[in-house]
């Protein structure tokens, strides 16, 4: 799948930047005579950051894409996140920010998702 989708929202134009990270849980313990000793505790939830632009012929067309996205993500419910080259997984939207410059036909956005592990 080359198109990015979250829940029922399909991105008309894929973001220009997709960052996926899988943080590891690590615990540090101090052991007298040895110093700090680390212990791997396993994978934490994947984190995804998307950056792109919603655009249209008018400000209203660009804004309608943002409103559609906000409607489809209302309530904070987890949903399937589809990304190119990655098996789809359940995720939650953690942050969504946007800013319009000039006449508003281009609205840059960033959004962050976190994997819903349970």
C-alpha atoms as a PDB file:
ATOM      1  CA  UNK A   1       0.000   0.000   0.000  1.00  0.00           C
ATOM      2  CA  UNK A   2       1.499   3.314  -1.073  1.00  0.00           C
ATOM      3  CA  UNK A   3      -1.266   5.496   0.311  1.00  0.00           C
ATOM      4  CA  UNK A   4      -1.193   6.525   3.949  1.00  0.00           C
ATOM      5  CA  UNK A   5      -4.373   6.010   5.925  1.00  0.00           C
ATOM      6  CA  UNK A   6      -5.442   6.375   9.558  1.00  0.00           C
ATOM      7  CA  UNK A   7      -8.808   4.914  10.516  1.00  0.00           C
ATOM      8  CA  UNK A   8     -11.087   5.980   7.639  1.00  0.00           C
ATOM      9  CA  UNK A   9      -9.046   9.032   6.614  1.00  0.00           C
ATOM     10  CA  UNK A  10      -7.020   8.521   3.433  1.00  0.00           C
ATOM     11  CA  UNK A  11      -4.354  11.131   2.761  1.00  0.00           C
ATOM     12  CA  UNK A  12      -4.898  12.641  -0.692  1.00  0.00           C
ATOM     13  CA  UNK A  13      -1.202  13.510  -0.842  1.00  0.00           C
ATOM     14  CA  UNK A  14       1.282  11.553   1.231  1.00  0.00           C
ATOM     15  CA  UNK A  15       3.345  13.510   3.748  1.00  0.00           C
ATOM     16  CA  UNK A  16       6.799  14.589   2.629  1.00  0.00           C
ATOM     17  CA  UNK A  17       8.337  13.134   5.784  1.00  0.00           C
ATOM     18  CA  UNK A  18       7.596   9.874   7.617  1.00  0.00           C
ATOM     19  CA  UNK A  19       9.653   9.033  10.699  1.00  0.00           C
ATOM     20  CA  UNK A  20       9.096   5.718  12.480  1.00  0.00           C
ATOM     21  CA  UNK A  21      10.960   4.814  15.656  1.00  0.00           C
ATOM     22  CA  UNK A  22      10.843   1.841  18.001  1.00  0.00           C
ATOM     23  CA  UNK A  23      12.186   2.947  21.375  1.00  0.00           C
ATOM     24  CA  UNK A  24      13.697   0.342  23.670  1.00  0.00           C
ATOM     25  CA  UNK A  25      13.028   0.181  27.408  1.00  0.00           C
ATOM     26  CA  UNK A  26      16.329   0.080  29.295  1.00  0.00           C
ATOM     27  CA  UNK A  27      16.863   0.105  33.033  1.00  0.00           C
ATOM     28  CA  UNK A  28      20.104   1.266  34.653  1.00  0.00           C
ATOM     29  CA  UNK A  29      21.178  -0.141  38.015  1.00  0.00           C
ATOM     30  CA  UNK A  30      24.173   0.827  40.074  1.00  0.00           C
ATOM     31  CA  UNK A  31      26.276  -2.131  41.202  1.00  0.00           C
ATOM     32  CA  UNK A  32      29.048  -1.363  43.711  1.00  0.00           C
ATOM     33  CA  UNK A  33      32.410  -2.192  42.195  1.00  0.00           C
ATOM     34  CA  UNK A  34      30.984  -2.314  38.654  1.00  0.00           C
ATOM     35  CA  UNK A  35      29.232   1.017  38.215  1.00  0.00           C
ATOM     36  CA  UNK A  36      26.106   1.312  36.088  1.00  0.00           C
ATOM     37  CA  UNK A  37      24.741  -1.917  34.626  1.00  0.00           C
ATOM     38  CA  UNK A  38      22.040  -1.780  31.970  1.00  0.00           C
ATOM     39  CA  UNK A  39      19.235  -4.229  31.480  1.00  0.00           C
ATOM     40  CA  UNK A  40      17.127  -4.422  28.310  1.00  0.00           C
ATOM     41  CA  UNK A  41      13.420  -4.587  29.086  1.00  0.00           C
ATOM     42  CA  UNK A  42      12.123  -4.933  25.523  1.00  0.00           C
ATOM     43  CA  UNK A  43      10.477  -2.807  22.881  1.00  0.00           C
ATOM     44  CA  UNK A  44       8.227   0.095  23.690  1.00  0.00           C
ATOM     45  CA  UNK A  45       5.378   1.303  21.478  1.00  0.00           C
ATOM     46  CA  UNK A  46       6.353   2.459  17.997  1.00  0.00           C
ATOM     47  CA  UNK A  47       6.167   6.174  17.385  1.00  0.00           C
ATOM     48  CA  UNK A  48       5.367   7.759  14.016  1.00  0.00           C
ATOM     49  CA  UNK A  49       5.791  11.398  13.016  1.00  0.00           C
ATOM     50  CA  UNK A  50       4.320  12.670   9.752  1.00  0.00           C
ATOM     51  CA  UNK A  51       4.980  16.090   8.241  1.00  0.00           C
ATOM     52  CA  UNK A  52       3.296  17.300   5.103  1.00  0.00           C
ATOM     53  CA  UNK A  53       0.925  19.784   3.530  1.00  0.00           C
ATOM     54  CA  UNK A  54      -2.794  19.907   2.958  1.00  0.00           C
ATOM     55  CA  UNK A  55      -3.497  22.056  -0.078  1.00  0.00           C
ATOM     56  CA  UNK A  56      -6.287  23.150  -2.326  1.00  0.00           C
ATOM     57  CA  UNK A  57      -7.208  25.739  -4.952  1.00  0.00           C
ATOM     58  CA  UNK A  58      -8.691  27.854  -2.155  1.00  0.00           C
ATOM     59  CA  UNK A  59      -8.204  28.194   1.588  1.00  0.00           C
ATOM     60  CA  UNK A  60     -11.607  26.569   2.094  1.00  0.00           C
ATOM     61  CA  UNK A  61     -10.582  23.461   0.139  1.00  0.00           C
ATOM     62  CA  UNK A  62      -7.356  23.092   2.137  1.00  0.00           C
ATOM     63  CA  UNK A  63      -9.143  23.689   5.432  1.00  0.00           C
ATOM     64  CA  UNK A  64     -11.820  21.115   4.581  1.00  0.00           C
ATOM     65  CA  UNK A  65      -9.111  18.415   4.518  1.00  0.00           C
ATOM     66  CA  UNK A  66      -8.055  19.370   8.034  1.00  0.00           C
ATOM     67  CA  UNK A  67     -11.648  19.327   9.235  1.00  0.00           C
ATOM     68  CA  UNK A  68     -12.167  15.898   7.639  1.00  0.00           C
ATOM     69  CA  UNK A  69      -9.061  14.601   9.419  1.00  0.00           C
ATOM     70  CA  UNK A  70     -10.201  16.046  12.750  1.00  0.00           C
ATOM     71  CA  UNK A  71     -13.651  14.480  12.358  1.00  0.00           C
ATOM     72  CA  UNK A  72     -12.156  11.077  11.575  1.00  0.00           C
ATOM     73  CA  UNK A  73      -9.864  11.189  14.620  1.00  0.00           C
ATOM     74  CA  UNK A  74     -12.361  12.592  17.133  1.00  0.00           C
ATOM     75  CA  UNK A  75     -12.612  10.799  20.450  1.00  0.00           C
ATOM     76  CA  UNK A  76      -9.022   9.586  20.589  1.00  0.00           C
ATOM     77  CA  UNK A  77     -10.027   6.059  19.612  1.00  0.00           C
ATOM     78  CA  UNK A  78      -7.257   3.812  18.316  1.00  0.00           C
ATOM     79  CA  UNK A  79      -7.378   2.810  14.667  1.00  0.00           C
ATOM     80  CA  UNK A  80      -5.343   1.103  12.004  1.00  0.00           C
ATOM     81  CA  UNK A  81      -2.418   3.123  10.663  1.00  0.00           C
ATOM     82  CA  UNK A  82      -1.302   2.203   7.153  1.00  0.00           C
ATOM     83  CA  UNK A  83       2.188   3.311   6.093  1.00  0.00           C
ATOM     84  CA  UNK A  84       4.182   2.359   2.982  1.00  0.00           C
ATOM     85  CA  UNK A  85       6.419  -0.675   3.541  1.00  0.00           C
ATOM     86  CA  UNK A  86       5.186  -1.376   7.093  1.00  0.00           C
ATOM     87  CA  UNK A  87       2.587  -3.893   8.220  1.00  0.00           C
ATOM     88  CA  UNK A  88      -0.469  -1.894   9.393  1.00  0.00           C
ATOM     89  CA  UNK A  89      -0.807  -1.565  13.156  1.00  0.00           C
ATOM     90  CA  UNK A  90      -3.186  -0.087  15.728  1.00  0.00           C
ATOM     91  CA  UNK A  91      -2.225   3.439  16.752  1.00  0.00           C
ATOM     92  CA  UNK A  92      -3.522   6.525  18.511  1.00  0.00           C
ATOM     93  CA  UNK A  93      -3.083  10.120  17.420  1.00  0.00           C
ATOM     94  CA  UNK A  94      -0.962  11.835  20.072  1.00  0.00           C
ATOM     95  CA  UNK A  95      -0.503  15.269  18.533  1.00  0.00           C
ATOM     96  CA  UNK A  96      -1.756  17.231  15.517  1.00  0.00           C
ATOM     97  CA  UNK A  97      -0.585  20.736  14.645  1.00  0.00           C
ATOM     98  CA  UNK A  98      -0.993  22.859  11.527  1.00  0.00           C
ATOM     99  CA  UNK A  99      -0.134  26.335  10.288  1.00  0.00           C
ATOM    100  CA  UNK A 100      -1.184  28.264   7.199  1.00  0.00           C
ATOM    101  CA  UNK A 101       0.978  30.883   5.525  1.00  0.00           C
ATOM    102  CA  UNK A 102       0.176  33.394   2.817  1.00  0.00           C
ATOM    103  CA  UNK A 103      -3.264  32.961   1.316  1.00  0.00           C
ATOM    104  CA  UNK A 104      -3.897  29.699   3.201  1.00  0.00           C
ATOM    105  CA  UNK A 105      -4.035  27.369   0.211  1.00  0.00           C
ATOM    106  CA  UNK A 106      -1.045  25.497   1.646  1.00  0.00           C
ATOM    107  CA  UNK A 107      -1.450  24.330   5.239  1.00  0.00           C
ATOM    108  CA  UNK A 108       1.591  22.588   6.692  1.00  0.00           C
ATOM    109  CA  UNK A 109       0.956  19.952   9.340  1.00  0.00           C
ATOM    110  CA  UNK A 110       2.735  17.631  11.686  1.00  0.00           C
ATOM    111  CA  UNK A 111       1.135  14.713  13.455  1.00  0.00           C
ATOM    112  CA  UNK A 112       2.405  12.128  15.862  1.00  0.00           C
ATOM    113  CA  UNK A 113       1.028   8.655  16.438  1.00  0.00           C
ATOM    114  CA  UNK A 114       1.875   6.088  19.080  1.00  0.00           C
ATOM    115  CA  UNK A 115       1.259   2.374  18.703  1.00  0.00           C
ATOM    116  CA  UNK A 116      -1.695   1.092  20.718  1.00  0.00           C
ATOM    117  CA  UNK A 117      -0.105  -1.936  22.377  1.00  0.00           C
ATOM    118  CA  UNK A 118      -3.104  -3.019  24.459  1.00  0.00           C
END
